[in-house]
Amino acid sequence: MSTPKIFIIEDEPDLVQALVIRLEAEGYQTACVADGMTAAVRAGEKKPDLILLDICLPGCDGFAVFQELRQQPATKHIPIVFLTARSSVDDRQKARHLGAAEYIVKPFKWHELSRVLHKILAGQQSPAPAKDKVKTQDGADGATS
């Protein structure tokens, strides 16, 4: 299996440095860009397995970058995780509506980001709510929500 590549679209240099150090220590390859204007083109060139995307970027916001990434054949199927300081319900709903794989609010706990990355890169989807099995009066198994 090849080393997964993560493309970071983030304008805070200290956070980029911390992400690169931690991700590479976990065995990922990384590439970064700090502005929204060149993000989609560079992501297409790098062909990452996953993209971490901030919303507040110089040039254009992360939602516009997301939509541009979805329009390009080379990037339209790459999972995108928003990693942002914006925590409003509206922003979360917009990200979900656009098709983001996940939405993580800064500051974040490293183990939570790591778990999300592992889950997405392993191809796992969020599990559907489990249905509880109950015995009916006749002894047959039934499912309840």
Protein backbone atom coordinates (compact mmCIF):
# COMPACT_ATOMS: atom_id res chain seq x y z
CA MET A 1 0.00 0.00 0.00
CA SER A 2 1.37 3.43 -0.88
CA THR A 3 1.82 6.18 1.66
CA PRO A 4 -1.34 8.31 1.86
CA LYS A 5 -0.93 11.92 0.74
CA ILE A 6 -2.66 14.75 2.58
CA PHE A 7 -2.93 18.17 0.99
CA ILE A 8 -3.22 21.01 3.51
CA ILE A 9 -4.91 24.27 2.48
CA GLU A 10 -4.21 26.55 5.45
CA ASP A 11 -2.80 30.07 5.86
CA GLU A 12 -1.59 29.90 9.50
CA PRO A 13 2.13 28.98 9.26
CA ASP A 14 2.39 27.64 12.83
CA LEU A 15 -0.57 25.33 12.32
CA VAL A 16 0.75 24.17 8.95
CA GLN A 17 4.11 23.36 10.53
CA ALA A 18 2.47 21.44 13.39
CA LEU A 19 0.23 19.51 11.00
CA VAL A 20 3.12 18.59 8.73
CA ILE A 21 5.24 17.37 11.65
CA ARG A 22 2.44 15.28 13.19
CA LEU A 23 1.12 13.90 9.91
CA GLU A 24 4.56 12.92 8.64
CA ALA A 25 5.33 11.30 12.02
CA GLU A 26 2.21 9.17 11.47
CA GLY A 27 3.50 8.12 8.06
CA TYR A 28 1.60 10.46 5.75
CA GLN A 29 3.07 12.47 2.88
CA THR A 30 2.10 16.14 2.98
CA ALA A 31 1.88 19.10 0.63
CA CYS A 32 0.62 22.56 1.51
CA VAL A 33 -0.69 25.77 0.05
CA ALA A 34 -1.57 28.94 1.97
CA ASP A 35 -4.12 30.65 -0.27
CA GLY A 36 -7.41 29.83 -1.89
CA MET A 37 -6.47 31.12 -5.34
CA THR A 38 -3.90 28.41 -6.12
CA ALA A 39 -5.35 25.62 -3.96
CA ALA A 40 -7.42 23.81 -6.57
CA VAL A 41 -4.69 23.85 -9.22
CA ARG A 42 -2.05 22.60 -6.78
CA ALA A 43 -4.36 19.91 -5.41
CA GLY A 44 -4.90 18.66 -8.96
CA GLU A 45 -1.14 18.49 -9.49
CA LYS A 46 -0.44 16.73 -6.17
CA LYS A 47 -3.29 14.19 -6.44
CA PRO A 48 -3.71 13.72 -2.67
CA ASP A 49 -5.75 11.05 -0.94
CA LEU A 50 -7.37 13.60 1.37
CA ILE A 51 -7.57 17.40 1.66
CA LEU A 52 -7.61 19.45 4.87
CA LEU A 53 -9.26 22.78 4.06
CA ASP A 54 -9.57 25.98 6.10
CA ILE A 55 -12.51 28.28 5.39
CA CYS A 56 -10.83 31.64 6.09
CA LEU A 57 -8.16 31.92 3.38
CA PRO A 58 -6.55 34.79 1.49
CA GLY A 59 -7.85 35.11 -2.05
CA CYS A 60 -11.14 33.25 -1.65
CA ASP A 61 -12.90 31.34 1.08
CA GLY A 62 -12.73 27.60 1.64
CA PHE A 63 -16.28 27.04 0.47
CA ALA A 64 -15.38 28.48 -2.95
CA VAL A 65 -12.24 26.34 -3.01
CA PHE A 66 -14.33 23.27 -2.13
CA GLN A 67 -16.69 23.93 -5.03
CA GLU A 68 -13.78 24.44 -7.43
CA LEU A 69 -12.21 21.17 -6.28
CA ARG A 70 -15.50 19.36 -6.92
CA GLN A 71 -15.65 20.72 -10.48
CA GLN A 72 -12.22 19.41 -11.49
CA PRO A 73 -12.02 15.79 -12.70
CA ALA A 74 -8.68 15.25 -10.90
CA THR A 75 -10.03 16.32 -7.49
CA LYS A 76 -13.78 15.78 -7.53
CA HIS A 77 -13.64 12.45 -5.65
CA ILE A 78 -11.02 13.38 -3.03
CA PRO A 79 -12.43 13.47 0.52
CA ILE A 80 -12.26 16.98 1.99
CA VAL A 81 -12.17 17.73 5.71
CA PHE A 82 -12.86 21.30 6.77
CA LEU A 83 -10.43 22.33 9.53
CA THR A 84 -11.52 25.78 10.63
CA ALA A 85 -12.07 28.20 13.49
CA ARG A 86 -15.60 28.87 12.23
CA SER A 87 -17.99 26.95 14.43
CA SER A 88 -21.43 28.23 13.44
CA VAL A 89 -24.25 25.83 12.71
CA ASP A 90 -24.73 27.54 9.33
CA ASP A 91 -21.12 26.84 8.31
CA ARG A 92 -21.37 23.21 9.44
CA GLN A 93 -24.62 22.75 7.51
CA LYS A 94 -23.16 24.38 4.41
CA ALA A 95 -20.14 22.04 4.57
CA ARG A 96 -22.40 19.01 5.00
CA HIS A 97 -24.63 20.15 2.13
CA LEU A 98 -21.58 20.57 -0.15
CA GLY A 99 -20.43 17.04 0.70
CA ALA A 100 -17.54 17.52 3.11
CA ALA A 101 -16.24 14.28 4.60
CA GLU A 102 -15.94 15.94 8.02
CA TYR A 103 -15.95 19.35 9.76
CA ILE A 104 -13.45 19.92 12.57
CA VAL A 105 -13.33 23.13 14.59
CA LYS A 106 -10.05 24.68 15.76
CA PRO A 107 -8.66 24.34 18.30
CA PHE A 108 -8.91 20.59 17.94
CA LYS A 109 -7.49 17.58 19.76
CA TRP A 110 -4.89 15.76 17.72
CA HIS A 111 -6.30 12.31 18.48
CA GLU A 112 -9.69 13.39 17.11
CA LEU A 113 -8.18 14.62 13.83
CA SER A 114 -6.05 11.49 13.59
CA ARG A 115 -9.08 9.24 14.14
CA VAL A 116 -11.04 11.08 11.43
CA LEU A 117 -8.16 10.81 8.95
CA HIS A 118 -7.68 7.10 9.62
CA LYS A 119 -11.42 6.45 9.25
CA ILE A 120 -11.73 8.34 5.97
CA LEU A 121 -8.56 6.94 4.45
CA ALA A 122 -9.59 3.42 5.41
CA GLY A 123 -12.75 4.00 3.36
CA GLN A 124 -15.05 3.72 6.33
CA GLN A 125 -18.26 5.68 6.41
CA SER A 126 -19.93 6.90 9.57
CA PRO A 127 -21.85 3.90 10.83
CA ALA A 128 -25.62 4.04 10.57
CA PRO A 129 -27.42 4.00 13.90
CA ALA A 130 -27.66 0.44 15.11
CA LYS A 131 -31.11 -1.04 15.42
CA ASP A 132 -31.75 -2.82 18.67
CA LYS A 133 -32.99 -6.37 18.42
CA VAL A 134 -35.90 -7.21 20.66
CA LYS A 135 -37.82 -10.40 21.12
CA THR A 136 -41.43 -10.23 20.03
CA GLN A 137 -44.13 -12.08 21.94
CA ASP A 138 -43.82 -15.04 19.58
CA GLY A 139 -40.08 -15.24 20.21
CA ALA A 140 -38.99 -13.90 16.83
CA ASP A 141 -36.31 -11.23 16.59
CA GLY A 142 -37.58 -7.79 15.61
CA ALA A 143 -35.70 -4.56 15.00
CA THR A 144 -36.53 -1.27 16.64
CA SER A 145 -35.16 2.17 15.92
